[in-house]
Amino acid sequence: MGLVVVLALVVGSGDETHRATPGAPAAGGPRPGAAAATLHLLEEAVESRDADAARALAPADDPVAVDLLGAVAGNAEALDVVEFSARYVDETGAVAPDGSWTAEVAMTWGFAGFDREPASTEVAVTFVADGDDTAIRRFGGADGLEPLWLQGPLEVRRTEQALVMVSASRPAADREVATYARRVARGADVVRRVLPGWRPSAVVEVPASAAALDASLGAVEGTYGGIAAVTTTADGTESPDAPVHVFVNPDVTRGLRGAGAQVVMSHELVHVATDAATGVVDLWLLEGFADYVALRDVRLPLTTTAGRAIDLVRRDGVPRRLPGTTEFDTRAADLEAAYELAWLACDTLANEIGERALVDVYRRASDGTPVAAALKRHDVTVDALVKWWRDRLASLAS
């Protein structure tokens, strides 16, 4: 399932040149002024959707970089990138033997029609001298965020409800992007059955692999290896204005059957619909409510939808408290069981006080009301909920 989880170009004031010395690389390392000028040309290439101009910003002897820069301009056209800016900040790390260096670049970008405000973050960019010019070799690295549209060519599908992008390096990416667009459409219908006021609008990003997903989110490799998808801000910030996207782990979702993959997408769309990525809600309620909506009309036995939770209870006994931060750690051994336990808590609450009351509790909690106070409005205490939940778990495990 998933977890919840503006800048302008300033050209440097001088072109710092470095003379080669005996034993030193021919390319002399950082040239902030020249790099800033190259970034300005990148802004122009992206804004004009000029792939040739973008390719000219790569080292002439590096075909991989040439293709990458051309793809960035192509992606910008397909995604309708707006408000793109790139400002050189500072070097990071040591100069490579070939004289290339990495710098943090403050970037903004947005996707027209879907992002209310642009993403805003620092992205690592690798530069290298290319004759008298300074060229761009790659984006990302240094454990920083590497936006998918800067990773390579994409297959893109735009509908009224969704903007879906899939790494073109994936097998049958053209069919995959259509599949995800259909899942968004079906998921939107699922969400609106419980949250009829939502106007469906979602951006879905599908990187080439789980490792590429970690790079897209600026996470240590392996962080999201066991997660099917995550809904979070596109720039990794907690700003309430930051664009929120659904990021898919293709290494996990490709192993799911159609119904399972659809539940994943519906779950993530609940997070989008409720602004969960930038809110603060108890994790059991956050994830349990998303699963409640996603599974509401799925006709599957509890041995399937709660099988791992039942196994956990049989192994360790009935939990004494609702799952929290520890249980929802992305690398937790019983992470899937934690989701099922949270879903059972919300499903139990809906059975006891009704679906409309559950929605009201969730909305009030999303607005900052403590869960205990939100429950009290429906004459329920946290202790009462936990007792109902524990009794149900004990019955299922017996």
Protein backbone atom coordinates (compact mmCIF):
# COMPACT_ATOMS: atom_id res chain seq x y z
CA MET A 1 0.00 0.00 0.00
CA GLY A 2 1.37 3.44 0.66
CA LEU A 3 2.62 5.82 3.27
CA VAL A 4 2.09 9.35 3.79
CA VAL A 5 3.59 10.42 3.82
CA VAL A 6 9.80 29.29 -6.45
CA LEU A 7 13.05 29.94 -7.15
CA ALA A 8 14.58 32.18 -9.83
CA LEU A 9 17.85 31.86 -11.69
CA VAL A 10 20.69 34.01 -10.47
CA VAL A 11 23.75 33.90 -12.72
CA GLY A 12 27.02 33.93 -10.82
CA SER A 13 29.03 37.12 -10.74
CA GLY A 14 32.09 35.70 -12.43
CA ASP A 15 33.45 32.79 -14.42
CA GLU A 16 36.06 31.11 -12.24
CA THR A 17 38.70 29.46 -14.40
CA HIS A 18 41.31 26.99 -13.20
CA ARG A 19 44.61 26.38 -14.93
CA ALA A 20 45.80 22.83 -15.29
CA THR A 21 48.89 21.97 -13.32
CA PRO A 22 51.21 18.96 -13.73
CA GLY A 23 49.44 15.83 -12.56
CA ALA A 24 46.03 17.55 -12.38
CA PRO A 25 43.07 16.75 -14.64
CA ALA A 26 42.79 18.86 -17.78
CA ALA A 27 39.33 20.00 -16.75
CA GLY A 28 39.87 22.20 -13.75
CA GLY A 29 36.83 21.56 -11.56
CA PRO A 30 34.10 23.91 -10.37
CA ARG A 31 33.20 26.94 -12.46
CA PRO A 32 30.08 28.29 -10.73
CA GLY A 33 29.55 31.22 -13.07
CA ALA A 34 29.73 29.12 -16.21
CA ALA A 35 27.54 26.44 -14.64
CA ALA A 36 24.93 29.07 -13.72
CA ALA A 37 24.92 30.28 -17.32
CA THR A 38 24.37 26.70 -18.51
CA LEU A 39 21.43 26.36 -16.14
CA HIS A 40 19.95 29.51 -17.63
CA LEU A 41 20.18 27.90 -21.07
CA LEU A 42 18.52 24.79 -19.64
CA GLU A 43 15.64 26.94 -18.39
CA GLU A 44 15.21 28.34 -21.88
CA ALA A 45 15.36 24.88 -23.50
CA VAL A 46 12.74 23.50 -21.11
CA GLU A 47 10.49 26.51 -21.52
CA SER A 48 10.68 26.33 -25.33
CA ARG A 49 10.54 22.49 -25.37
CA ASP A 50 13.68 22.61 -27.56
CA ALA A 51 15.30 19.17 -27.44
CA ASP A 52 18.20 20.21 -29.70
CA ALA A 53 19.04 23.16 -27.46
CA ALA A 54 18.88 20.88 -24.41
CA ARG A 55 21.11 18.25 -26.01
CA ALA A 56 23.68 20.96 -26.75
CA LEU A 57 24.08 21.46 -22.99
CA ALA A 58 25.52 17.93 -22.55
CA PRO A 59 29.19 17.02 -23.11
CA ALA A 60 29.60 16.36 -26.82
CA ASP A 61 31.53 13.15 -26.15
CA ASP A 62 28.92 11.73 -23.74
CA PRO A 63 26.02 10.21 -25.71
CA VAL A 64 24.22 9.11 -22.53
CA ALA A 65 24.14 12.71 -21.28
CA VAL A 66 23.12 13.97 -24.72
CA ASP A 67 20.15 11.58 -24.75
CA LEU A 68 19.26 12.50 -21.17
CA LEU A 69 19.14 16.24 -21.83
CA GLY A 70 17.08 15.68 -24.96
CA ALA A 71 14.68 13.53 -22.96
CA VAL A 72 14.28 16.26 -20.34
CA ALA A 73 13.03 18.68 -22.99
CA GLY A 74 10.76 15.98 -24.42
CA ASN A 75 9.38 15.21 -20.97
CA ALA A 76 8.78 18.89 -20.36
CA GLU A 77 6.59 19.03 -23.47
CA ALA A 78 4.66 15.84 -22.67
CA LEU A 79 4.10 16.81 -19.02
CA ASP A 80 3.53 20.50 -19.77
CA VAL A 81 6.18 21.62 -17.28
CA VAL A 82 5.67 25.19 -16.08
CA GLU A 83 7.47 27.56 -13.72
CA PHE A 84 10.78 25.78 -14.22
CA SER A 85 13.79 27.51 -12.73
CA ALA A 86 17.28 26.38 -11.80
CA ARG A 87 19.67 28.38 -9.59
CA TYR A 88 23.21 27.29 -8.81
CA VAL A 89 23.73 27.08 -5.03
CA ASP A 90 27.06 25.50 -4.10
CA GLU A 91 29.38 22.61 -4.82
CA THR A 92 29.06 19.38 -2.88
CA GLY A 93 31.68 16.65 -2.55
CA ALA A 94 35.07 16.37 -4.18
CA VAL A 95 36.02 17.04 -7.78
CA ALA A 96 36.12 13.82 -9.82
CA PRO A 97 39.33 12.70 -11.60
CA ASP A 98 37.90 13.89 -14.93
CA GLY A 99 37.32 17.37 -13.48
CA SER A 100 33.54 17.02 -13.18
CA TRP A 101 31.85 18.21 -10.03
CA THR A 102 28.43 18.08 -8.41
CA ALA A 103 26.54 21.09 -7.15
CA GLU A 104 23.23 21.63 -5.43
CA VAL A 105 20.83 23.47 -7.69
CA ALA A 106 17.65 25.07 -6.36
CA MET A 107 14.89 24.01 -8.75
CA THR A 108 11.21 24.65 -9.18
CA TRP A 109 8.82 22.93 -11.58
CA GLY A 110 5.15 22.17 -11.89
CA PHE A 111 2.84 20.22 -14.18
CA ALA A 112 0.16 22.43 -15.70
CA GLY A 113 -3.40 21.50 -14.88
CA PHE A 114 -2.48 19.31 -11.90
CA ASP A 115 0.01 21.00 -9.56
CA ARG A 116 -1.54 23.93 -7.72
CA GLU A 117 1.91 25.26 -6.83
CA PRO A 118 5.33 24.27 -8.18
CA ALA A 119 7.64 21.85 -6.43
CA SER A 120 10.63 23.57 -4.84
CA THR A 121 13.77 21.76 -3.72
CA GLU A 122 17.50 21.35 -4.29
CA VAL A 123 18.60 18.81 -6.89
CA ALA A 124 22.18 17.63 -7.35
CA VAL A 125 23.51 18.34 -10.84
CA THR A 126 26.82 17.05 -12.21
CA PHE A 127 28.77 19.50 -14.39
CA VAL A 128 31.91 19.06 -16.47
CA ALA A 129 34.02 21.33 -18.65
CA ASP A 130 33.32 20.82 -22.36
CA GLY A 131 35.86 22.86 -24.25
CA ASP A 132 35.21 26.47 -23.39
CA ASP A 133 31.74 25.62 -22.10
CA THR A 134 30.40 23.95 -18.98
CA ALA A 135 28.09 21.03 -19.66
CA ILE A 136 25.53 19.05 -17.66
CA ARG A 137 26.24 15.35 -17.27
CA ARG A 138 23.37 14.18 -15.04
CA PHE A 139 20.77 15.10 -12.44
CA GLY A 140 20.46 13.59 -8.98
CA GLY A 141 22.89 11.64 -6.85
CA ALA A 142 24.58 12.45 -3.56
CA ASP A 143 21.58 10.90 -1.76
CA GLY A 144 19.40 13.77 -2.92
CA LEU A 145 16.06 13.85 -4.66
CA GLU A 146 16.15 12.94 -8.37
CA PRO A 147 12.85 13.94 -10.02
CA LEU A 148 11.54 11.27 -12.38
CA TRP A 149 11.16 13.66 -15.29
CA LEU A 150 14.92 14.37 -15.02
CA GLN A 151 15.90 10.68 -14.96
CA GLY A 152 15.27 9.83 -18.61
CA PRO A 153 12.56 9.48 -21.27
CA LEU A 154 8.99 8.87 -20.14
CA GLU A 155 5.76 7.49 -21.48
CA VAL A 156 3.03 9.98 -20.52
CA ARG A 157 -0.75 9.74 -20.47
CA ARG A 158 -2.92 12.77 -19.61
CA THR A 159 -6.64 12.52 -18.87
CA GLU A 160 -9.07 14.87 -17.15
CA GLN A 161 -8.41 13.03 -13.89
CA ALA A 162 -4.78 12.02 -14.07
CA LEU A 163 -1.32 12.76 -15.33
CA VAL A 164 0.56 9.46 -15.46
CA MET A 165 4.24 9.07 -16.27
CA VAL A 166 6.12 5.78 -16.60
CA SER A 167 9.84 5.37 -17.19
CA ALA A 168 10.25 4.50 -20.87
CA SER A 169 12.95 2.01 -19.91
CA ARG A 170 10.29 -0.30 -18.48
CA PRO A 171 9.11 -3.17 -20.68
CA ALA A 172 5.86 -2.29 -22.47
CA ALA A 173 5.83 1.14 -20.86
CA ASP A 174 3.27 2.36 -23.39
CA ARG A 175 0.76 -0.26 -22.20
CA GLU A 176 1.70 0.25 -18.57
CA VAL A 177 0.95 3.97 -18.64
CA ALA A 178 -2.52 3.23 -20.04
CA THR A 179 -3.10 0.63 -17.31
CA TYR A 180 -2.29 3.12 -14.56
CA ALA A 181 -4.57 5.71 -16.11
CA ARG A 182 -7.42 3.18 -16.00
CA ARG A 183 -6.64 2.36 -12.37
CA VAL A 184 -6.87 6.03 -11.47
CA ALA A 185 -10.25 6.29 -13.18
CA ARG A 186 -11.59 3.25 -11.32
CA GLY A 187 -10.02 4.39 -8.07
CA ALA A 188 -11.59 7.82 -8.39
CA ASP A 189 -15.02 6.17 -8.56
CA VAL A 190 -14.17 4.12 -5.45
CA VAL A 191 -13.10 7.17 -3.47
CA ARG A 192 -16.11 9.26 -4.48
CA ARG A 193 -18.50 6.64 -3.10
CA VAL A 194 -17.30 7.65 0.38
CA LEU A 195 -15.98 11.16 -0.35
CA PRO A 196 -18.40 12.47 -3.00
CA GLY A 197 -17.09 16.02 -2.78
CA TRP A 198 -13.66 15.15 -4.18
CA ARG A 199 -12.88 16.31 -7.71
CA PRO A 200 -10.43 13.66 -8.96
CA SER A 201 -7.02 14.97 -9.94
CA ALA A 202 -3.85 12.96 -9.47
CA VAL A 203 -0.27 12.78 -10.71
CA VAL A 204 1.15 9.25 -10.78
CA GLU A 205 4.88 8.60 -11.19
CA VAL A 206 6.19 5.12 -12.03
CA PRO A 207 10.01 4.94 -12.02
CA ALA A 208 12.00 2.16 -13.65
CA SER A 209 12.56 0.19 -10.43
CA ALA A 210 12.40 0.24 -6.65
CA ALA A 211 15.88 1.79 -6.59
CA ALA A 212 14.73 4.51 -8.97
CA LEU A 213 11.73 5.11 -6.69
CA ASP A 214 14.08 5.70 -3.76
CA ALA A 215 16.04 8.13 -5.94
CA SER A 216 12.86 9.95 -6.96
CA LEU A 217 12.06 10.49 -3.28
CA GLY A 218 15.61 11.28 -2.17
CA ALA A 219 15.60 8.23 0.09
CA VAL A 220 18.35 5.78 0.97
CA GLU A 221 18.21 2.80 -1.38
CA GLY A 222 15.95 0.11 0.05
CA THR A 223 13.74 2.49 2.01
CA TYR A 224 10.67 1.81 -0.12
CA GLY A 225 11.65 -1.63 -1.38
CA GLY A 226 8.67 -3.32 0.30
CA ILE A 227 6.10 -0.59 -0.38
CA ALA A 228 3.73 -0.87 -3.36
CA ALA A 229 3.20 2.89 -3.57
CA VAL A 230 3.56 6.05 -1.55
CA THR A 231 1.71 9.35 -1.72
CA THR A 232 3.88 12.27 -0.76
CA THR A 233 5.01 15.72 -1.85
CA ALA A 234 6.91 15.89 -5.13
CA ASP A 235 9.70 17.93 -3.55
CA GLY A 236 10.00 16.10 -0.25
CA THR A 237 8.86 19.10 1.78
CA GLU A 238 6.00 19.33 4.28
CA SER A 239 4.69 22.57 2.84
CA PRO A 240 0.87 22.55 2.59
CA ASP A 241 1.26 24.11 -0.87
CA ALA A 242 3.64 21.48 -2.20
CA PRO A 243 2.31 19.33 -5.06
CA VAL A 244 1.32 15.84 -3.93
CA HIS A 245 1.94 12.87 -6.24
CA VAL A 246 1.48 9.11 -6.10
CA PHE A 247 4.80 7.29 -6.52
CA VAL A 248 4.56 3.62 -7.53
CA ASN A 249 7.06 0.85 -6.82
CA PRO A 250 6.89 -1.25 -10.01
CA ASP A 251 8.94 -4.08 -8.48
CA VAL A 252 6.12 -4.69 -5.97
CA THR A 253 3.04 -3.86 -8.03
CA ARG A 254 4.03 -6.11 -10.92
CA GLY A 255 3.58 -9.06 -8.55
CA LEU A 256 0.03 -8.07 -7.64
CA ARG A 257 -3.09 -9.40 -9.29
CA GLY A 258 -5.44 -6.92 -10.89
CA ALA A 259 -7.67 -6.53 -7.83
CA GLY A 260 -4.70 -6.03 -5.53
CA ALA A 261 -3.12 -3.44 -7.79
CA GLN A 262 -6.44 -1.59 -7.97
CA VAL A 263 -6.78 -1.55 -4.17
CA VAL A 264 -3.29 -0.04 -3.97
CA MET A 265 -4.23 2.77 -6.36
CA SER A 266 -7.58 3.41 -4.66
CA HIS A 267 -5.79 3.57 -1.28
CA GLU A 268 -3.32 6.15 -2.58
CA LEU A 269 -6.08 8.23 -4.12
CA VAL A 270 -7.75 8.46 -0.70
CA HIS A 271 -4.51 10.05 0.52
CA VAL A 272 -4.61 12.48 -2.42
CA ALA A 273 -8.28 13.31 -1.83
CA THR A 274 -7.74 14.03 1.87
CA ASP A 275 -4.40 15.91 1.59
CA ALA A 276 -2.90 13.24 3.81
CA ALA A 277 0.67 13.88 2.68
CA THR A 278 0.83 17.27 4.38
CA GLY A 279 -1.52 16.57 7.30
CA VAL A 280 -0.90 15.09 10.73
CA VAL A 281 -3.17 12.15 11.53
CA ASP A 282 -2.56 9.14 13.74
CA LEU A 283 -1.10 6.50 11.44
CA TRP A 284 -3.64 3.81 12.28
CA LEU A 285 -6.41 6.19 11.23
CA LEU A 286 -4.55 7.57 8.24
CA GLU A 287 -3.75 4.20 6.70
CA GLY A 288 -6.76 2.35 8.07
CA PHE A 289 -9.19 4.87 6.59
CA ALA A 290 -7.51 4.70 3.18
CA ASP A 291 -7.84 0.92 3.21
CA TYR A 292 -11.41 1.14 4.48
CA VAL A 293 -12.37 3.19 1.41
CA ALA A 294 -10.30 1.07 -0.99
CA LEU A 295 -11.70 -2.24 0.31
CA ARG A 296 -15.26 -1.10 1.04
CA ASP A 297 -16.80 -2.74 -2.02
CA VAL A 298 -14.22 -5.46 -2.63
CA ARG A 299 -15.76 -8.88 -2.12
CA LEU A 300 -12.94 -10.84 -0.57
CA PRO A 301 -12.91 -13.03 2.56
CA LEU A 302 -11.30 -11.73 5.74
CA THR A 303 -8.74 -14.52 5.45
CA THR A 304 -7.47 -12.59 2.41
CA THR A 305 -7.92 -8.97 3.47
CA ALA A 306 -6.78 -9.57 7.06
CA GLY A 307 -4.77 -12.78 6.71
CA ARG A 308 -1.45 -11.35 7.87
CA ALA A 309 -3.04 -9.61 10.86
CA ILE A 310 -4.70 -12.89 11.86
CA ASP A 311 -1.38 -14.72 11.55
CA LEU A 312 0.30 -12.05 13.67
CA VAL A 313 -2.33 -12.39 16.42
CA ARG A 314 -1.98 -16.17 16.41
CA ARG A 315 1.77 -15.82 16.69
CA ASP A 316 2.13 -12.96 19.17
CA GLY A 317 -1.28 -12.56 20.74
CA VAL A 318 -3.79 -9.74 20.44
CA PRO A 319 -2.02 -6.34 20.33
CA ARG A 320 -2.77 -4.04 23.24
CA ARG A 321 -2.64 -0.81 21.24
CA LEU A 322 -3.40 0.42 17.76
CA PRO A 323 -0.44 0.35 15.32
CA GLY A 324 1.77 3.41 15.30
CA THR A 325 5.07 4.75 14.02
CA THR A 326 7.11 1.64 14.82
CA GLU A 327 4.68 -0.72 13.11
CA PHE A 328 4.46 1.50 10.02
CA ASP A 329 8.21 1.83 9.51
CA THR A 330 8.80 1.04 5.83
CA ARG A 331 11.25 -1.72 6.78
CA ALA A 332 9.19 -3.25 9.58
CA ALA A 333 8.95 -7.04 9.36
CA ASP A 334 5.17 -7.06 9.87
CA LEU A 335 4.35 -3.94 7.86
CA GLU A 336 1.56 -5.57 5.85
CA ALA A 337 -0.03 -6.82 9.05
CA ALA A 338 0.08 -3.27 10.44
CA TYR A 339 -1.98 -2.04 7.50
CA GLU A 340 -4.51 -4.80 8.03
CA LEU A 341 -4.72 -4.07 11.75
CA ALA A 342 -5.35 -0.40 10.99
CA TRP A 343 -8.01 -1.29 8.42
CA LEU A 344 -9.75 -3.57 10.91
CA ALA A 345 -9.79 -0.74 13.46
CA CYS A 346 -11.50 1.61 10.99
CA ASP A 347 -13.82 -1.10 9.69
CA THR A 348 -14.79 -1.96 13.26
CA LEU A 349 -15.44 1.69 14.03
CA ALA A 350 -17.66 2.01 10.94
CA ASN A 351 -19.58 -1.09 12.01
CA GLU A 352 -20.18 0.38 15.48
CA ILE A 353 -20.95 4.04 14.74
CA GLY A 354 -21.58 4.11 10.97
CA GLU A 355 -19.60 5.16 7.91
CA ARG A 356 -20.63 8.82 8.05
CA ALA A 357 -19.37 9.02 11.62
CA LEU A 358 -16.07 7.40 10.62
CA VAL A 359 -15.65 9.96 7.85
CA ASP A 360 -16.42 12.74 10.34
CA VAL A 361 -13.79 11.41 12.78
CA TYR A 362 -11.22 11.26 10.01
CA ARG A 363 -11.97 14.75 8.73
CA ARG A 364 -11.82 16.28 12.19
CA ALA A 365 -8.54 14.49 12.91
CA SER A 366 -7.19 15.78 9.58
CA ASP A 367 -8.08 19.31 10.66
CA GLY A 368 -6.05 18.89 13.85
CA THR A 369 -8.64 17.66 16.31
CA PRO A 370 -7.19 14.97 18.60
CA VAL A 371 -8.62 11.55 17.75
CA ALA A 372 -10.00 11.16 21.27
CA ALA A 373 -11.95 14.41 20.92
CA ALA A 374 -13.19 13.47 17.44
CA LEU A 375 -14.42 10.11 18.74
CA LYS A 376 -16.06 11.72 21.76
CA ARG A 377 -18.40 13.64 19.46
CA HIS A 378 -19.87 10.24 18.61
CA ASP A 379 -19.95 9.05 22.21
CA VAL A 380 -16.96 6.76 21.76
CA THR A 381 -13.70 6.62 23.68
CA VAL A 382 -10.35 5.37 22.40
CA ASP A 383 -10.49 2.63 25.04
CA ALA A 384 -13.88 1.49 23.76
CA LEU A 385 -12.60 1.37 20.18
CA VAL A 386 -9.53 -0.61 21.22
CA LYS A 387 -11.73 -3.09 23.11
CA TRP A 388 -14.03 -3.60 20.09
CA TRP A 389 -10.99 -4.02 17.89
CA ARG A 390 -9.21 -6.46 20.21
CA ASP A 391 -12.36 -8.54 20.65
CA ARG A 392 -12.73 -8.77 16.89
CA LEU A 393 -9.09 -9.78 16.43
CA ALA A 394 -9.39 -12.46 19.09
CA SER A 395 -12.51 -13.82 17.38
CA LEU A 396 -10.86 -13.87 13.94
CA ALA A 397 -7.77 -15.64 15.28
CA SER A 398 -9.69 -18.28 17.23
